[in-house]
Amino acid sequence: MLLVLLVFGSNVAAASDEGEFTGCDAPRSKVDQAVCADPELRGLRVRMEGLLDTIHAGTLHTNGDTGVMVYGPLKKQVTKSQVAWFKDMSRCQDRACMIKKFHSRIAALEGLVEKLP
């Protein structure tokens, strides 16, 4: 559960109004430490977090029977794939690998955003 919050939750790794990654107060993982130390990686992280927030908001809808706000199945799918992405990203040994992983993830998320209703 904690891993999901680290990779998907905007409360743990959020972007400020200026677009700066703000999850660097106490970076826990090797990935977060590298992101916090590198302006380009921080920018990519902010872009990815923005896309995740858009998908998160885009999957929220009202249940017609109960009137309760619920998330569609895409949120669960994206959360699961984000956890897998983070594990894969954690295997990176250098900056170039991390940049490649961020660009690949951003492209995948942009494709999902385009399909939102």
C-alpha atoms as a PDB file:
ATOM      1  CA  MET A   1       0.000   0.000   0.000  1.00  0.00           C
ATOM      2  CA  LEU A   2       2.795   2.431   0.858  1.00  0.00           C
ATOM      3  CA  LEU A   3       4.480   1.813  -2.487  1.00  0.00           C
ATOM      4  CA  VAL A   4       1.278   2.761  -4.282  1.00  0.00           C
ATOM      5  CA  LEU A   5       1.181   6.027  -2.356  1.00  0.00           C
ATOM      6  CA  LEU A   6       4.769   6.772  -3.254  1.00  0.00           C
ATOM      7  CA  VAL A   7       4.226   6.238  -6.948  1.00  0.00           C
ATOM      8  CA  PHE A   8       0.662   7.420  -7.384  1.00  0.00           C
ATOM      9  CA  GLY A   9      -0.424   9.493  -4.414  1.00  0.00           C
ATOM     10  CA  SER A  10      -0.180  13.221  -4.870  1.00  0.00           C
ATOM     11  CA  ASN A  11      -0.023  13.671  -1.085  1.00  0.00           C
ATOM     12  CA  VAL A  12       3.367  11.998  -0.870  1.00  0.00           C
ATOM     13  CA  ALA A  13       5.025  13.155  -4.066  1.00  0.00           C
ATOM     14  CA  ALA A  14       3.225  16.257  -5.190  1.00  0.00           C
ATOM     15  CA  ALA A  15       3.876  19.080  -7.574  1.00  0.00           C
ATOM     16  CA  SER A  16       3.627  22.625  -6.341  1.00  0.00           C
ATOM     17  CA  ASP A  17       1.690  25.343  -8.151  1.00  0.00           C
ATOM     18  CA  GLU A  18       4.951  26.309  -9.832  1.00  0.00           C
ATOM     19  CA  GLY A  19       5.332  22.764 -11.174  1.00  0.00           C
ATOM     20  CA  GLU A  20       8.261  21.859  -8.929  1.00  0.00           C
ATOM     21  CA  PHE A  21       8.446  18.357  -7.493  1.00  0.00           C
ATOM     22  CA  THR A  22       7.961  18.647  -3.735  1.00  0.00           C
ATOM     23  CA  GLY A  23       8.562  15.085  -2.557  1.00  0.00           C
ATOM     24  CA  CYS A  24      12.193  15.796  -1.672  1.00  0.00           C
ATOM     25  CA  ASP A  25      11.910  16.609   2.019  1.00  0.00           C
ATOM     26  CA  ALA A  26      12.904  13.065   2.928  1.00  0.00           C
ATOM     27  CA  PRO A  27      13.433  10.997  -0.234  1.00  0.00           C
ATOM     28  CA  ARG A  28      13.275   7.338   0.742  1.00  0.00           C
ATOM     29  CA  SER A  29      14.173   5.392  -2.363  1.00  0.00           C
ATOM     30  CA  LYS A  30      17.204   5.461  -4.637  1.00  0.00           C
ATOM     31  CA  VAL A  31      14.898   6.732  -7.389  1.00  0.00           C
ATOM     32  CA  ASP A  32      13.542   9.596  -5.280  1.00  0.00           C
ATOM     33  CA  GLN A  33      17.060  10.564  -4.191  1.00  0.00           C
ATOM     34  CA  ALA A  34      18.198  10.730  -7.823  1.00  0.00           C
ATOM     35  CA  VAL A  35      15.078  12.672  -8.859  1.00  0.00           C
ATOM     36  CA  CYS A  36      15.579  15.174  -6.053  1.00  0.00           C
ATOM     37  CA  ALA A  37      19.199  15.745  -7.022  1.00  0.00           C
ATOM     38  CA  ASP A  38      18.530  16.359 -10.726  1.00  0.00           C
ATOM     39  CA  PRO A  39      16.416  19.214 -12.149  1.00  0.00           C
ATOM     40  CA  GLU A  40      15.647  17.353 -15.393  1.00  0.00           C
ATOM     41  CA  LEU A  41      14.484  14.241 -13.557  1.00  0.00           C
ATOM     42  CA  ARG A  42      12.379  16.410 -11.217  1.00  0.00           C
ATOM     43  CA  GLY A  43      10.760  18.012 -14.253  1.00  0.00           C
ATOM     44  CA  LEU A  44       9.950  14.617 -15.736  1.00  0.00           C
ATOM     45  CA  ARG A  45       8.540  13.481 -12.404  1.00  0.00           C
ATOM     46  CA  VAL A  46       6.320  16.581 -12.229  1.00  0.00           C
ATOM     47  CA  ARG A  47       5.070  15.893 -15.767  1.00  0.00           C
ATOM     48  CA  MET A  48       4.320  12.261 -14.919  1.00  0.00           C
ATOM     49  CA  GLU A  49       2.563  13.193 -11.661  1.00  0.00           C
ATOM     50  CA  GLY A  50       0.415  15.704 -13.567  1.00  0.00           C
ATOM     51  CA  LEU A  51      -0.659  13.009 -16.004  1.00  0.00           C
ATOM     52  CA  LEU A  52      -1.418  10.629 -13.148  1.00  0.00           C
ATOM     53  CA  ASP A  53      -3.530  13.327 -11.476  1.00  0.00           C
ATOM     54  CA  THR A  54      -5.415  13.896 -14.748  1.00  0.00           C
ATOM     55  CA  ILE A  55      -6.104  10.171 -15.124  1.00  0.00           C
ATOM     56  CA  HIS A  56      -7.098   9.911 -11.482  1.00  0.00           C
ATOM     57  CA  ALA A  57      -9.580  12.777 -11.846  1.00  0.00           C
ATOM     58  CA  GLY A  58     -10.813  11.456 -15.190  1.00  0.00           C
ATOM     59  CA  THR A  59     -11.735   8.069 -13.757  1.00  0.00           C
ATOM     60  CA  LEU A  60     -13.856   9.512 -10.945  1.00  0.00           C
ATOM     61  CA  HIS A  61     -17.587   9.367 -11.627  1.00  0.00           C
ATOM     62  CA  THR A  62     -20.892   9.156  -9.809  1.00  0.00           C
ATOM     63  CA  ASN A  63     -22.459   5.749  -9.345  1.00  0.00           C
ATOM     64  CA  GLY A  64     -25.908   6.022 -10.907  1.00  0.00           C
ATOM     65  CA  ASP A  65     -27.518   3.721  -8.332  1.00  0.00           C
ATOM     66  CA  THR A  66     -26.079   5.199  -5.161  1.00  0.00           C
ATOM     67  CA  GLY A  67     -24.945   8.691  -6.137  1.00  0.00           C
ATOM     68  CA  VAL A  68     -21.570   7.935  -4.520  1.00  0.00           C
ATOM     69  CA  MET A  69     -18.369   9.068  -6.229  1.00  0.00           C
ATOM     70  CA  VAL A  70     -16.371   6.011  -7.349  1.00  0.00           C
ATOM     71  CA  TYR A  71     -13.331   5.355  -9.467  1.00  0.00           C
ATOM     72  CA  GLY A  72     -13.548   3.459 -12.725  1.00  0.00           C
ATOM     73  CA  PRO A  73     -11.451   0.365 -13.470  1.00  0.00           C
ATOM     74  CA  LEU A  74      -8.801   2.444 -15.235  1.00  0.00           C
ATOM     75  CA  LYS A  75      -7.580   3.831 -11.895  1.00  0.00           C
ATOM     76  CA  LYS A  76      -6.817   0.342 -10.589  1.00  0.00           C
ATOM     77  CA  GLN A  77      -5.114  -0.570 -13.865  1.00  0.00           C
ATOM     78  CA  VAL A  78      -2.973   2.586 -13.820  1.00  0.00           C
ATOM     79  CA  THR A  79      -2.067   2.139 -10.153  1.00  0.00           C
ATOM     80  CA  LYS A  80      -0.981  -1.442 -10.799  1.00  0.00           C
ATOM     81  CA  SER A  81       1.067  -0.458 -13.841  1.00  0.00           C
ATOM     82  CA  GLN A  82       2.600   2.466 -11.916  1.00  0.00           C
ATOM     83  CA  VAL A  83       3.807   0.102  -9.198  1.00  0.00           C
ATOM     84  CA  ALA A  84       5.353  -2.128 -11.886  1.00  0.00           C
ATOM     85  CA  TRP A  85       6.941   0.922 -13.530  1.00  0.00           C
ATOM     86  CA  PHE A  86       8.434   2.061 -10.215  1.00  0.00           C
ATOM     87  CA  LYS A  87       9.942  -1.388  -9.595  1.00  0.00           C
ATOM     88  CA  ASP A  88      11.406  -1.344 -13.109  1.00  0.00           C
ATOM     89  CA  MET A  89      12.690   2.213 -12.628  1.00  0.00           C
ATOM     90  CA  SER A  90      14.353   1.127  -9.375  1.00  0.00           C
ATOM     91  CA  ARG A  91      16.603  -1.174 -11.388  1.00  0.00           C
ATOM     92  CA  CYS A  92      18.159   1.775 -13.225  1.00  0.00           C
ATOM     93  CA  GLN A  93      21.823   2.255 -12.441  1.00  0.00           C
ATOM     94  CA  ASP A  94      22.275   5.609 -14.158  1.00  0.00           C
ATOM     95  CA  ARG A  95      20.583   8.850 -15.122  1.00  0.00           C
ATOM     96  CA  ALA A  96      20.188   7.899 -18.801  1.00  0.00           C
ATOM     97  CA  CYS A  97      18.182   4.821 -17.852  1.00  0.00           C
ATOM     98  CA  MET A  98      15.944   6.867 -15.556  1.00  0.00           C
ATOM     99  CA  ILE A  99      15.309   9.474 -18.257  1.00  0.00           C
ATOM    100  CA  LYS A 100      14.403   6.713 -20.726  1.00  0.00           C
ATOM    101  CA  LYS A 101      11.998   5.123 -18.207  1.00  0.00           C
ATOM    102  CA  PHE A 102      10.345   8.470 -17.458  1.00  0.00           C
ATOM    103  CA  HIS A 103       9.866   9.243 -21.160  1.00  0.00           C
ATOM    104  CA  SER A 104       8.400   5.807 -21.799  1.00  0.00           C
ATOM    105  CA  ARG A 105       5.984   6.115 -18.863  1.00  0.00           C
ATOM    106  CA  ILE A 106       4.968   9.648 -19.815  1.00  0.00           C
ATOM    107  CA  ALA A 107       4.200   8.516 -23.372  1.00  0.00           C
ATOM    108  CA  ALA A 108       2.056   5.647 -22.045  1.00  0.00           C
ATOM    109  CA  LEU A 109       0.175   7.967 -19.674  1.00  0.00           C
ATOM    110  CA  GLU A 110      -0.369  10.564 -22.404  1.00  0.00           C
ATOM    111  CA  GLY A 111      -1.985   7.824 -24.490  1.00  0.00           C
ATOM    112  CA  LEU A 112      -4.364   7.045 -21.635  1.00  0.00           C
ATOM    113  CA  VAL A 113      -5.194  10.724 -21.082  1.00  0.00           C
ATOM    114  CA  GLU A 114      -6.162  11.044 -24.759  1.00  0.00           C
ATOM    115  CA  LYS A 115      -8.693   8.229 -24.292  1.00  0.00           C
ATOM    116  CA  LEU A 116     -10.392   9.725 -21.221  1.00  0.00           C
ATOM    117  CA  PRO A 117     -14.035  10.720 -21.754  1.00  0.00           C
END
